[in-house]
Amino acid sequence: MPLEMIRRQANAGAAFTLAVSSCGLPDQSIYEFVGIDAGTFSKMKKGLATLQAEDWPKFCYAVNNRIYPEWCAFQLGCTLVEIKTEAERRAEAAEKRAEEAELKVRVLLETFHARAAA
């Protein structure tokens, strides 16, 4: 979604609705996943309630976009910046697992060589 379109939203309700409508999922699957009730979800779409900040990660995951928090950041004159991509996070986790596996192999080989020498 282009930033200009996100920033053009008139209020939080419009930004929230854009985030929901752009994902193509039914409302029920979103609000149940996030853990909010249907009435509150409806009020959010109308701009009469807002999504709590601690619910943003689940909401963004459910709708597969960051439209709502991006709109909120713009209201403060900011924009969101991704600290790490999912690929970077996965690569770091894979490197850590590889290092742990190498350590285990080294310890096993040292143990094997020590027993073979005895």
PDB file of N, CA and C in Angstrom:
ATOM      1  N   MET A   1       0.842  -1.179   0.000  1.00  0.00           N
ATOM      2  CA  MET A   1       0.000   0.000   0.000  1.00  0.00           C
ATOM      3  C   MET A   1       0.888   1.243   0.000  1.00  0.00           C
ATOM      4  N   PRO A   2       0.687   2.151  -0.921  1.00  0.00           N
ATOM      5  CA  PRO A   2       1.504   3.367  -0.970  1.00  0.00           C
ATOM      6  C   PRO A   2       1.311   4.227   0.284  1.00  0.00           C
ATOM      7  N   LEU A   3       2.396   4.789   0.786  1.00  0.00           N
ATOM      8  CA  LEU A   3       2.327   5.637   1.980  1.00  0.00           C
ATOM      9  C   LEU A   3       1.375   6.814   1.791  1.00  0.00           C
ATOM     10  N   GLU A   4       1.333   7.355   0.603  1.00  0.00           N
ATOM     11  CA  GLU A   4       0.463   8.501   0.357  1.00  0.00           C
ATOM     12  C   GLU A   4      -0.993   8.140   0.612  1.00  0.00           C
ATOM     13  N   MET A   5      -1.380   6.949   0.214  1.00  0.00           N
ATOM     14  CA  MET A   5      -2.763   6.510   0.425  1.00  0.00           C
ATOM     15  C   MET A   5      -3.047   6.331   1.916  1.00  0.00           C
ATOM     16  N   ILE A   6      -2.091   5.765   2.633  1.00  0.00           N
ATOM     17  CA  ILE A   6      -2.253   5.573   4.070  1.00  0.00           C
ATOM     18  C   ILE A   6      -2.385   6.927   4.755  1.00  0.00           C
ATOM     19  N   ARG A   7      -1.517   7.852   4.406  1.00  0.00           N
ATOM     20  CA  ARG A   7      -1.496   9.169   5.053  1.00  0.00           C
ATOM     21  C   ARG A   7      -2.711  10.019   4.722  1.00  0.00           C
ATOM     22  N   ARG A   8      -3.388   9.722   3.619  1.00  0.00           N
ATOM     23  CA  ARG A   8      -4.582  10.481   3.237  1.00  0.00           C
ATOM     24  C   ARG A   8      -5.805  10.130   4.070  1.00  0.00           C
ATOM     25  N   GLN A   9      -5.739   9.071   4.848  1.00  0.00           N
ATOM     26  CA  GLN A   9      -6.898   8.659   5.639  1.00  0.00           C
ATOM     27  C   GLN A   9      -7.247   9.757   6.640  1.00  0.00           C
ATOM     28  N   ALA A  10      -8.548  10.068   6.718  1.00  0.00           N
ATOM     29  CA  ALA A  10      -9.008  11.209   7.509  1.00  0.00           C
ATOM     30  C   ALA A  10      -8.896  11.016   9.010  1.00  0.00           C
ATOM     31  N   ASN A  11      -9.016   9.773   9.463  1.00  0.00           N
ATOM     32  CA  ASN A  11      -8.972   9.521  10.905  1.00  0.00           C
ATOM     33  C   ASN A  11      -8.542   8.080  11.172  1.00  0.00           C
ATOM     34  N   ALA A  12      -8.420   7.754  12.455  1.00  0.00           N
ATOM     35  CA  ALA A  12      -7.971   6.419  12.842  1.00  0.00           C
ATOM     36  C   ALA A  12      -8.927   5.338  12.341  1.00  0.00           C
ATOM     37  N   GLY A  13     -10.209   5.632  12.356  1.00  0.00           N
ATOM     38  CA  GLY A  13     -11.192   4.662  11.868  1.00  0.00           C
ATOM     39  C   GLY A  13     -10.987   4.339  10.399  1.00  0.00           C
ATOM     40  N   ALA A  14     -10.705   5.361   9.611  1.00  0.00           N
ATOM     41  CA  ALA A  14     -10.471   5.148   8.182  1.00  0.00           C
ATOM     42  C   ALA A  14      -9.201   4.348   7.952  1.00  0.00           C
ATOM     43  N   ALA A  15      -8.163   4.654   8.720  1.00  0.00           N
ATOM     44  CA  ALA A  15      -6.906   3.904   8.591  1.00  0.00           C
ATOM     45  C   ALA A  15      -7.097   2.454   9.015  1.00  0.00           C
ATOM     46  N   PHE A  16      -7.823   2.252  10.097  1.00  0.00           N
ATOM     47  CA  PHE A  16      -8.109   0.900  10.581  1.00  0.00           C
ATOM     48  C   PHE A  16      -8.901   0.124   9.531  1.00  0.00           C
ATOM     49  N   THR A  17      -9.918   0.751   8.974  1.00  0.00           N
ATOM     50  CA  THR A  17     -10.756   0.112   7.956  1.00  0.00           C
ATOM     51  C   THR A  17      -9.957  -0.211   6.702  1.00  0.00           C
ATOM     52  N   LEU A  18      -9.060   0.681   6.306  1.00  0.00           N
ATOM     53  CA  LEU A  18      -8.206   0.424   5.149  1.00  0.00           C
ATOM     54  C   LEU A  18      -7.332  -0.794   5.407  1.00  0.00           C
ATOM     55  N   ALA A  19      -6.771  -0.887   6.605  1.00  0.00           N
ATOM     56  CA  ALA A  19      -5.931  -2.037   6.959  1.00  0.00           C
ATOM     57  C   ALA A  19      -6.734  -3.331   6.878  1.00  0.00           C
ATOM     58  N   VAL A  20      -7.954  -3.295   7.390  1.00  0.00           N
ATOM     59  CA  VAL A  20      -8.813  -4.482   7.390  1.00  0.00           C
ATOM     60  C   VAL A  20      -9.240  -4.845   5.967  1.00  0.00           C
ATOM     61  N   SER A  21      -9.716  -3.870   5.217  1.00  0.00           N
ATOM     62  CA  SER A  21     -10.237  -4.160   3.874  1.00  0.00           C
ATOM     63  C   SER A  21      -9.151  -4.596   2.906  1.00  0.00           C
ATOM     64  N   SER A  22      -7.928  -4.120   3.104  1.00  0.00           N
ATOM     65  CA  SER A  22      -6.858  -4.478   2.173  1.00  0.00           C
ATOM     66  C   SER A  22      -6.365  -5.907   2.358  1.00  0.00           C
ATOM     67  N   CYS A  23      -6.701  -6.539   3.472  1.00  0.00           N
ATOM     68  CA  CYS A  23      -6.222  -7.906   3.686  1.00  0.00           C
ATOM     69  C   CYS A  23      -7.160  -8.950   3.092  1.00  0.00           C
ATOM     70  N   GLY A  24      -8.425  -8.602   2.904  1.00  0.00           N
ATOM     71  CA  GLY A  24      -9.369  -9.524   2.286  1.00  0.00           C
ATOM     72  C   GLY A  24      -9.952 -10.583   3.208  1.00  0.00           C
ATOM     73  N   LEU A  25      -9.643 -10.528   4.496  1.00  0.00           N
ATOM     74  CA  LEU A  25     -10.184 -11.502   5.445  1.00  0.00           C
ATOM     75  C   LEU A  25     -11.500 -11.007   6.026  1.00  0.00           C
ATOM     76  N   PRO A  26     -12.353 -11.922   6.442  1.00  0.00           N
ATOM     77  CA  PRO A  26     -13.578 -11.490   7.114  1.00  0.00           C
ATOM     78  C   PRO A  26     -13.255 -10.875   8.476  1.00  0.00           C
ATOM     79  N   ASP A  27     -14.052  -9.876   8.861  1.00  0.00           N
ATOM     80  CA  ASP A  27     -13.827  -9.190  10.127  1.00  0.00           C
ATOM     81  C   ASP A  27     -13.726 -10.160  11.300  1.00  0.00           C
ATOM     82  N   GLN A  28     -14.604 -11.152  11.326  1.00  0.00           N
ATOM     83  CA  GLN A  28     -14.647 -12.074  12.454  1.00  0.00           C
ATOM     84  C   GLN A  28     -13.318 -12.787  12.671  1.00  0.00           C
ATOM     85  N   SER A  29     -12.680 -13.219  11.614  1.00  0.00           N
ATOM     86  CA  SER A  29     -11.409 -13.923  11.778  1.00  0.00           C
ATOM     87  C   SER A  29     -10.344 -12.992  12.344  1.00  0.00           C
ATOM     88  N   ILE A  30     -10.420 -11.707  12.025  1.00  0.00           N
ATOM     89  CA  ILE A  30      -9.441 -10.736  12.519  1.00  0.00           C
ATOM     90  C   ILE A  30      -9.674 -10.448  13.994  1.00  0.00           C
ATOM     91  N   TYR A  31     -10.914 -10.053  14.355  1.00  0.00           N
ATOM     92  CA  TYR A  31     -11.126  -9.675  15.754  1.00  0.00           C
ATOM     93  C   TYR A  31     -11.020 -10.851  16.702  1.00  0.00           C
ATOM     94  N   GLU A  32     -11.340 -12.052  16.240  1.00  0.00           N
ATOM     95  CA  GLU A  32     -11.161 -13.224  17.097  1.00  0.00           C
ATOM     96  C   GLU A  32      -9.674 -13.518  17.300  1.00  0.00           C
ATOM     97  N   PHE A  33      -8.880 -13.380  16.247  1.00  0.00           N
ATOM     98  CA  PHE A  33      -7.444 -13.616  16.362  1.00  0.00           C
ATOM     99  C   PHE A  33      -6.794 -12.600  17.295  1.00  0.00           C
ATOM    100  N   VAL A  34      -7.194 -11.343  17.155  1.00  0.00           N
ATOM    101  CA  VAL A  34      -6.612 -10.281  17.976  1.00  0.00           C
ATOM    102  C   VAL A  34      -7.094 -10.387  19.426  1.00  0.00           C
ATOM    103  N   GLY A  35      -8.308 -10.908  19.609  1.00  0.00           N
ATOM    104  CA  GLY A  35      -8.848 -11.057  20.957  1.00  0.00           C
ATOM    105  C   GLY A  35      -9.700  -9.888  21.407  1.00  0.00           C
ATOM    106  N   ILE A  36     -10.394  -9.273  20.453  1.00  0.00           N
ATOM    107  CA  ILE A  36     -11.318  -8.198  20.797  1.00  0.00           C
ATOM    108  C   ILE A  36     -12.713  -8.607  20.365  1.00  0.00           C
ATOM    109  N   ASP A  37     -13.712  -7.985  20.966  1.00  0.00           N
ATOM    110  CA  ASP A  37     -15.093  -8.370  20.637  1.00  0.00           C
ATOM    111  C   ASP A  37     -15.582  -7.632  19.390  1.00  0.00           C
ATOM    112  N   ALA A  38     -16.660  -8.158  18.823  1.00  0.00           N
ATOM    113  CA  ALA A  38     -17.202  -7.622  17.575  1.00  0.00           C
ATOM    114  C   ALA A  38     -17.632  -6.167  17.712  1.00  0.00           C
ATOM    115  N   GLY A  39     -18.227  -5.817  18.847  1.00  0.00           N
ATOM    116  CA  GLY A  39     -18.687  -4.445  19.060  1.00  0.00           C
ATOM    117  C   GLY A  39     -17.544  -3.449  19.073  1.00  0.00           C
ATOM    118  N   THR A  40     -16.476  -3.787  19.762  1.00  0.00           N
ATOM    119  CA  THR A  40     -15.301  -2.914  19.809  1.00  0.00           C
ATOM    120  C   THR A  40     -14.675  -2.800  18.423  1.00  0.00           C
ATOM    121  N   PHE A  41     -14.605  -3.916  17.708  1.00  0.00           N
ATOM    122  CA  PHE A  41     -14.051  -3.915  16.350  1.00  0.00           C
ATOM    123  C   PHE A  41     -14.866  -2.976  15.459  1.00  0.00           C
ATOM    124  N   SER A  42     -16.180  -3.049  15.568  1.00  0.00           N
ATOM    125  CA  SER A  42     -17.057  -2.180  14.781  1.00  0.00           C
ATOM    126  C   SER A  42     -16.821  -0.716  15.130  1.00  0.00           C
ATOM    127  N   LYS A  43     -16.669  -0.428  16.427  1.00  0.00           N
ATOM    128  CA  LYS A  43     -16.391   0.953  16.850  1.00  0.00           C
ATOM    129  C   LYS A  43     -15.056   1.435  16.313  1.00  0.00           C
ATOM    130  N   MET A  44     -14.078   0.542  16.235  1.00  0.00           N
ATOM    131  CA  MET A  44     -12.770   0.920  15.690  1.00  0.00           C
ATOM    132  C   MET A  44     -12.902   1.306  14.222  1.00  0.00           C
ATOM    133  N   LYS A  45     -13.695   0.557  13.491  1.00  0.00           N
ATOM    134  CA  LYS A  45     -13.885   0.860  12.071  1.00  0.00           C
ATOM    135  C   LYS A  45     -14.588   2.201  11.877  1.00  0.00           C
ATOM    136  N   LYS A  46     -15.413   2.586  12.845  1.00  0.00           N
ATOM    137  CA  LYS A  46     -16.125   3.869  12.778  1.00  0.00           C
ATOM    138  C   LYS A  46     -15.308   5.014  13.362  1.00  0.00           C
ATOM    139  N   GLY A  47     -14.169   4.699  13.968  1.00  0.00           N
ATOM    140  CA  GLY A  47     -13.343   5.723  14.569  1.00  0.00           C
ATOM    141  C   GLY A  47     -13.800   6.109  15.967  1.00  0.00           C
ATOM    142  N   LEU A  48     -14.674   5.317  16.575  1.00  0.00           N
ATOM    143  CA  LEU A  48     -15.188   5.613  17.914  1.00  0.00           C
ATOM    144  C   LEU A  48     -14.367   4.935  19.008  1.00  0.00           C
ATOM    145  N   ALA A  49     -13.467   4.061  18.625  1.00  0.00           N
ATOM    146  CA  ALA A  49     -12.554   3.386  19.555  1.00  0.00           C
ATOM    147  C   ALA A  49     -11.235   3.187  18.811  1.00  0.00           C
ATOM    148  N   THR A  50     -10.184   2.955  19.577  1.00  0.00           N
ATOM    149  CA  THR A  50      -8.884   2.723  18.950  1.00  0.00           C
ATOM    150  C   THR A  50      -8.315   1.393  19.414  1.00  0.00           C
ATOM    151  N   LEU A  51      -7.456   0.858  18.621  1.00  0.00           N
ATOM    152  CA  LEU A  51      -6.788  -0.391  18.940  1.00  0.00           C
ATOM    153  C   LEU A  51      -5.686  -0.102  19.957  1.00  0.00           C
ATOM    154  N   GLN A  52      -5.661  -0.868  21.036  1.00  0.00           N
ATOM    155  CA  GLN A  52      -4.628  -0.697  22.059  1.00  0.00           C
ATOM    156  C   GLN A  52      -3.264  -1.039  21.451  1.00  0.00           C
ATOM    157  N   ALA A  53      -2.247  -0.291  21.835  1.00  0.00           N
ATOM    158  CA  ALA A  53      -0.907  -0.482  21.269  1.00  0.00           C
ATOM    159  C   ALA A  53      -0.396  -1.900  21.465  1.00  0.00           C
ATOM    160  N   GLU A  54      -0.712  -2.524  22.591  1.00  0.00           N
ATOM    161  CA  GLU A  54      -0.225  -3.893  22.811  1.00  0.00           C
ATOM    162  C   GLU A  54      -0.889  -4.901  21.868  1.00  0.00           C
ATOM    163  N   ASP A  55      -1.984  -4.502  21.222  1.00  0.00           N
ATOM    164  CA  ASP A  55      -2.656  -5.382  20.256  1.00  0.00           C
ATOM    165  C   ASP A  55      -2.182  -5.157  18.822  1.00  0.00           C
ATOM    166  N   TRP A  56      -1.374  -4.143  18.593  1.00  0.00           N
ATOM    167  CA  TRP A  56      -0.904  -3.849  17.241  1.00  0.00           C
ATOM    168  C   TRP A  56      -0.166  -5.006  16.591  1.00  0.00           C
ATOM    169  N   PRO A  57       0.770  -5.670  17.274  1.00  0.00           N
ATOM    170  CA  PRO A  57       1.478  -6.774  16.599  1.00  0.00           C
ATOM    171  C   PRO A  57       0.535  -7.881  16.114  1.00  0.00           C
ATOM    172  N   LYS A  58      -0.408  -8.282  16.955  1.00  0.00           N
ATOM    173  CA  LYS A  58      -1.353  -9.331  16.537  1.00  0.00           C
ATOM    174  C   LYS A  58      -2.224  -8.854  15.385  1.00  0.00           C
ATOM    175  N   PHE A  59      -2.688  -7.602  15.480  1.00  0.00           N
ATOM    176  CA  PHE A  59      -3.528  -7.050  14.418  1.00  0.00           C
ATOM    177  C   PHE A  59      -2.763  -7.001  13.099  1.00  0.00           C
ATOM    178  N   CYS A  60      -1.543  -6.485  13.130  1.00  0.00           N
ATOM    179  CA  CYS A  60      -0.740  -6.379  11.901  1.00  0.00           C
ATOM    180  C   CYS A  60      -0.451  -7.756  11.318  1.00  0.00           C
ATOM    181  N   TYR A  61      -0.220  -8.727  12.178  1.00  0.00           N
ATOM    182  CA  TYR A  61      -0.002 -10.094  11.706  1.00  0.00           C
ATOM    183  C   TYR A  61      -1.276 -10.624  11.054  1.00  0.00           C
ATOM    184  N   ALA A  62      -2.416 -10.377  11.691  1.00  0.00           N
ATOM    185  CA  ALA A  62      -3.697 -10.878  11.163  1.00  0.00           C
ATOM    186  C   ALA A  62      -4.023 -10.283   9.800  1.00  0.00           C
ATOM    187  N   VAL A  63      -3.825  -8.975   9.651  1.00  0.00           N
ATOM    188  CA  VAL A  63      -4.178  -8.318   8.388  1.00  0.00           C
ATOM    189  C   VAL A  63      -3.020  -8.290   7.393  1.00  0.00           C
ATOM    190  N   ASN A  64      -1.851  -8.736   7.847  1.00  0.00           N
ATOM    191  CA  ASN A  64      -0.652  -8.820   7.004  1.00  0.00           C
ATOM    192  C   ASN A  64      -0.255  -7.462   6.413  1.00  0.00           C
ATOM    193  N   ASN A  65      -0.389  -6.411   7.230  1.00  0.00           N
ATOM    194  CA  ASN A  65       0.083  -5.094   6.813  1.00  0.00           C
ATOM    195  C   ASN A  65       0.305  -4.234   8.057  1.00  0.00           C
ATOM    196  N   ARG A  66       0.923  -3.066   7.865  1.00  0.00           N
ATOM    197  CA  ARG A  66       1.187  -2.136   8.960  1.00  0.00           C
ATOM    198  C   ARG A  66       0.520  -0.789   8.697  1.00  0.00           C
ATOM    199  N   ILE A  67      -0.589  -0.822   8.018  1.00  0.00           N
ATOM    200  CA  ILE A  67      -1.272   0.413   7.642  1.00  0.00           C
ATOM    201  C   ILE A  67      -1.674   1.230   8.870  1.00  0.00           C
ATOM    202  N   TYR A  68      -2.314   0.606   9.827  1.00  0.00           N
ATOM    203  CA  TYR A  68      -2.812   1.339  11.003  1.00  0.00           C
ATOM    204  C   TYR A  68      -1.670   1.990  11.800  1.00  0.00           C
ATOM    205  N   PRO A  69      -0.633   1.250  12.218  1.00  0.00           N
ATOM    206  CA  PRO A  69       0.435   1.932  12.957  1.00  0.00           C
ATOM    207  C   PRO A  69       1.205   2.947  12.105  1.00  0.00           C
ATOM    208  N   GLU A  70       1.260   2.713  10.796  1.00  0.00           N
ATOM    209  CA  GLU A  70       1.928   3.691   9.921  1.00  0.00           C
ATOM    210  C   GLU A  70       1.141   5.001   9.916  1.00  0.00           C
ATOM    211  N   TRP A  71      -0.183   4.899   9.865  1.00  0.00           N
ATOM    212  CA  TRP A  71      -1.021   6.100   9.916  1.00  0.00           C
ATOM    213  C   TRP A  71      -0.836   6.809  11.255  1.00  0.00           C
ATOM    214  N   CYS A  72      -0.809   6.039  12.345  1.00  0.00           N
ATOM    215  CA  CYS A  72      -0.618   6.622  13.680  1.00  0.00           C
ATOM    216  C   CYS A  72       0.729   7.334  13.765  1.00  0.00           C
ATOM    217  N   ALA A  73       1.785   6.718  13.245  1.00  0.00           N
ATOM    218  CA  ALA A  73       3.109   7.334  13.265  1.00  0.00           C
ATOM    219  C   ALA A  73       3.100   8.648  12.478  1.00  0.00           C
ATOM    220  N   PHE A  74       2.399   8.665  11.355  1.00  0.00           N
ATOM    221  CA  PHE A  74       2.330   9.870  10.526  1.00  0.00           C
ATOM    222  C   PHE A  74       1.674  11.028  11.271  1.00  0.00           C
ATOM    223  N   GLN A  75       0.746  10.722  12.171  1.00  0.00           N
ATOM    224  CA  GLN A  75       0.085  11.775  12.945  1.00  0.00           C
ATOM    225  C   GLN A  75       1.082  12.507  13.846  1.00  0.00           C
ATOM    226  N   LEU A  76       2.200  11.863  14.138  1.00  0.00           N
ATOM    227  CA  LEU A  76       3.265  12.465  14.947  1.00  0.00           C
ATOM    228  C   LEU A  76       4.390  13.023  14.078  1.00  0.00           C
ATOM    229  N   GLY A  77       4.204  12.968  12.761  1.00  0.00           N
ATOM    230  CA  GLY A  77       5.238  13.453  11.848  1.00  0.00           C
ATOM    231  C   GLY A  77       6.355  12.449  11.645  1.00  0.00           C
ATOM    232  N   CYS A  78       6.051  11.165  11.867  1.00  0.00           N
ATOM    233  CA  CYS A  78       7.059  10.109  11.754  1.00  0.00           C
ATOM    234  C   CYS A  78       6.628   9.085  10.710  1.00  0.00           C
ATOM    235  N   THR A  79       7.500   8.122  10.500  1.00  0.00           N
ATOM    236  CA  THR A  79       7.185   6.982   9.668  1.00  0.00           C
ATOM    237  C   THR A  79       7.802   5.763  10.326  1.00  0.00           C
ATOM    238  N   LEU A  80       7.280   4.595  10.041  1.00  0.00           N
ATOM    239  CA  LEU A  80       7.827   3.372  10.613  1.00  0.00           C
ATOM    240  C   LEU A  80       9.071   2.956   9.840  1.00  0.00           C
ATOM    241  N   VAL A  81      10.021   2.402  10.560  1.00  0.00           N
ATOM    242  CA  VAL A  81      11.230   1.866   9.959  1.00  0.00           C
ATOM    243  C   VAL A  81      11.391   0.448  10.469  1.00  0.00           C
ATOM    244  N   GLU A  82      11.527  -0.500   9.554  1.00  0.00           N
ATOM    245  CA  GLU A  82      11.702  -1.884   9.935  1.00  0.00           C
ATOM    246  C   GLU A  82      13.125  -2.081  10.438  1.00  0.00           C
ATOM    247  N   ILE A  83      13.240  -2.574  11.655  1.00  0.00           N
ATOM    248  CA  ILE A  83      14.554  -2.756  12.258  1.00  0.00           C
ATOM    249  C   ILE A  83      15.261  -3.948  11.621  1.00  0.00           C
ATOM    250  N   LYS A  84      14.573  -5.055  11.527  1.00  0.00           N
ATOM    251  CA  LYS A  84      15.113  -6.247  10.878  1.00  0.00           C
ATOM    252  C   LYS A  84      14.016  -6.874  10.037  1.00  0.00           C
ATOM    253  N   THR A  85      14.398  -7.365   8.893  1.00  0.00           N
ATOM    254  CA  THR A  85      13.432  -8.081   8.079  1.00  0.00           C
ATOM    255  C   THR A  85      13.258  -9.482   8.648  1.00  0.00           C
ATOM    256  N   GLU A  86      12.200 -10.130   8.261  1.00  0.00           N
ATOM    257  CA  GLU A  86      11.968 -11.505   8.694  1.00  0.00           C
ATOM    258  C   GLU A  86      13.113 -12.399   8.234  1.00  0.00           C
ATOM    259  N   ALA A  87      13.618 -12.146   7.048  1.00  0.00           N
ATOM    260  CA  ALA A  87      14.743 -12.939   6.542  1.00  0.00           C
ATOM    261  C   ALA A  87      15.980 -12.750   7.412  1.00  0.00           C
ATOM    262  N   GLU A  88      16.239 -11.530   7.850  1.00  0.00           N
ATOM    263  CA  GLU A  88      17.379 -11.282   8.724  1.00  0.00           C
ATOM    264  C   GLU A  88      17.210 -11.988  10.069  1.00  0.00           C
ATOM    265  N   ARG A  89      15.986 -11.943  10.625  1.00  0.00           N
ATOM    266  CA  ARG A  89      15.731 -12.624  11.900  1.00  0.00           C
ATOM    267  C   ARG A  89      15.935 -14.123  11.750  1.00  0.00           C
ATOM    268  N   ARG A  90      15.438 -14.687  10.657  1.00  0.00           N
ATOM    269  CA  ARG A  90      15.595 -16.130  10.430  1.00  0.00           C
ATOM    270  C   ARG A  90      17.064 -16.501  10.217  1.00  0.00           C
ATOM    271  N   ALA A  91      17.783 -15.674   9.504  1.00  0.00           N
ATOM    272  CA  ALA A  91      19.203 -15.945   9.255  1.00  0.00           C
ATOM    273  C   ALA A  91      19.985 -15.926  10.563  1.00  0.00           C
ATOM    274  N   GLU A  92      19.697 -14.968  11.423  1.00  0.00           N
ATOM    275  CA  GLU A  92      20.376 -14.911  12.716  1.00  0.00           C
ATOM    276  C   GLU A  92      20.065 -16.144  13.563  1.00  0.00           C
ATOM    277  N   ALA A  93      18.802 -16.567  13.553  1.00  0.00           N
ATOM    278  CA  ALA A  93      18.420 -17.760  14.317  1.00  0.00           C
ATOM    279  C   ALA A  93      19.118 -18.995  13.751  1.00  0.00           C
ATOM    280  N   ALA A  94      19.209 -19.082  12.424  1.00  0.00           N
ATOM    281  CA  ALA A  94      19.882 -20.221  11.798  1.00  0.00           C
ATOM    282  C   ALA A  94      21.372 -20.222  12.129  1.00  0.00           C
ATOM    283  N   GLU A  95      21.999 -19.061  12.131  1.00  0.00           N
ATOM    284  CA  GLU A  95      23.418 -18.959  12.489  1.00  0.00           C
ATOM    285  C   GLU A  95      23.644 -19.406  13.933  1.00  0.00           C
ATOM    286  N   LYS A  96      22.751 -19.009  14.814  1.00  0.00           N
ATOM    287  CA  LYS A  96      22.876 -19.398  16.218  1.00  0.00           C
ATOM    288  C   LYS A  96      22.754 -20.916  16.369  1.00  0.00           C
ATOM    289  N   ARG A  97      21.781 -21.510  15.667  1.00  0.00           N
ATOM    290  CA  ARG A  97      21.618 -22.972  15.716  1.00  0.00           C
ATOM    291  C   ARG A  97      22.859 -23.669  15.155  1.00  0.00           C
ATOM    292  N   ALA A  98      23.424 -23.132  14.083  1.00  0.00           N
ATOM    293  CA  ALA A  98      24.626 -23.730  13.483  1.00  0.00           C
ATOM    294  C   ALA A  98      25.804 -23.654  14.448  1.00  0.00           C
ATOM    295  N   GLU A  99      25.983 -22.518  15.119  1.00  0.00           N
ATOM    296  CA  GLU A  99      27.063 -22.376  16.094  1.00  0.00           C
ATOM    297  C   GLU A  99      26.902 -23.382  17.237  1.00  0.00           C
ATOM    298  N   GLU A 100      25.668 -23.549  17.716  1.00  0.00           N
ATOM    299  CA  GLU A 100      25.418 -24.503  18.798  1.00  0.00           C
ATOM    300  C   GLU A 100      25.702 -25.927  18.338  1.00  0.00           C
ATOM    301  N   ALA A 101      25.314 -26.243  17.102  1.00  0.00           N
ATOM    302  CA  ALA A 101      25.563 -27.584  16.561  1.00  0.00           C
ATOM    303  C   ALA A 101      27.062 -27.826  16.403  1.00  0.00           C
ATOM    304  N   GLU A 102      27.796 -26.844  15.932  1.00  0.00           N
ATOM    305  CA  GLU A 102      29.252 -26.979  15.786  1.00  0.00           C
ATOM    306  C   GLU A 102      29.925 -27.201  17.137  1.00  0.00           C
ATOM    307  N   LEU A 103      29.456 -26.509  18.150  1.00  0.00           N
ATOM    308  CA  LEU A 103      29.999 -26.699  19.495  1.00  0.00           C
ATOM    309  C   LEU A 103      29.749 -28.119  19.994  1.00  0.00           C
ATOM    310  N   LYS A 104      28.543 -28.619  19.760  1.00  0.00           N
ATOM    311  CA  LYS A 104      28.209 -29.982  20.174  1.00  0.00           C
ATOM    312  C   LYS A 104      29.085 -31.004  19.447  1.00  0.00           C
ATOM    313  N   VAL A 105      29.287 -30.815  18.167  1.00  0.00           N
ATOM    314  CA  VAL A 105      30.125 -31.729  17.384  1.00  0.00           C
ATOM    315  C   VAL A 105      31.558 -31.688  17.902  1.00  0.00           C
ATOM    316  N   ARG A 106      32.069 -30.498  18.168  1.00  0.00           N
ATOM    317  CA  ARG A 106      33.434 -30.357  18.675  1.00  0.00           C
ATOM    318  C   ARG A 106      33.594 -31.081  20.016  1.00  0.00           C
ATOM    319  N   VAL A 107      32.622 -30.912  20.924  1.00  0.00           N
ATOM    320  CA  VAL A 107      32.675 -31.586  22.223  1.00  0.00           C
ATOM    321  C   VAL A 107      32.603 -33.095  22.052  1.00  0.00           C
ATOM    322  N   LEU A 108      31.724 -33.568  21.181  1.00  0.00           N
ATOM    323  CA  LEU A 108      31.604 -35.008  20.933  1.00  0.00           C
ATOM    324  C   LEU A 108      32.892 -35.577  20.341  1.00  0.00           C
ATOM    325  N   LEU A 109      33.493 -34.868  19.390  1.00  0.00           N
ATOM    326  CA  LEU A 109      34.745 -35.334  18.790  1.00  0.00           C
ATOM    327  C   LEU A 109      35.874 -35.362  19.814  1.00  0.00           C
ATOM    328  N   GLU A 110      35.959 -34.351  20.656  1.00  0.00           N
ATOM    329  CA  GLU A 110      36.982 -34.330  21.694  1.00  0.00           C
ATOM    330  C   GLU A 110      36.791 -35.493  22.664  1.00  0.00           C
ATOM    331  N   THR A 111      35.538 -35.761  23.015  1.00  0.00           N
ATOM    332  CA  THR A 111      35.233 -36.880  23.908  1.00  0.00           C
ATOM    333  C   THR A 111      35.602 -38.201  23.238  1.00  0.00           C
ATOM    334  N   PHE A 112      35.277 -38.345  21.956  1.00  0.00           N
ATOM    335  CA  PHE A 112      35.583 -39.564  21.211  1.00  0.00           C
ATOM    336  C   PHE A 112      37.094 -39.781  21.134  1.00  0.00           C
ATOM    337  N   HIS A 113      37.836 -38.723  20.790  1.00  0.00           N
ATOM    338  CA  HIS A 113      39.291 -38.821  20.694  1.00  0.00           C
ATOM    339  C   HIS A 113      39.923 -39.131  22.045  1.00  0.00           C
ATOM    340  N   ALA A 114      39.400 -38.548  23.108  1.00  0.00           N
ATOM    341  CA  ALA A 114      39.933 -38.810  24.446  1.00  0.00           C
ATOM    342  C   ALA A 114      39.707 -40.257  24.839  1.00  0.00           C
ATOM    343  N   ARG A 115      38.561 -40.797  24.515  1.00  0.00           N
ATOM    344  CA  ARG A 115      38.281 -42.218  24.842  1.00  0.00           C
ATOM    345  C   ARG A 115      39.104 -43.167  23.977  1.00  0.00           C
ATOM    346  N   ALA A 116      39.303 -42.777  22.710  1.00  0.00           N
ATOM    347  CA  ALA A 116      40.078 -43.622  21.806  1.00  0.00           C
ATOM    348  C   ALA A 116      41.548 -43.666  22.214  1.00  0.00           C
ATOM    349  N   ALA A 117      42.034 -42.567  22.762  1.00  0.00           N
ATOM    350  CA  ALA A 117      43.434 -42.493  23.178  1.00  0.00           C
ATOM    351  C   ALA A 117      43.674 -43.260  24.472  1.00  0.00           C
ATOM    352  N   ALA A 118      42.638 -43.440  25.270  1.00  0.00           N
ATOM    353  CA  ALA A 118      42.822 -44.116  26.564  1.00  0.00           C
ATOM    354  C   ALA A 118      42.869 -45.600  26.474  1.00  0.00           C
TER     355      ALA A 118
END
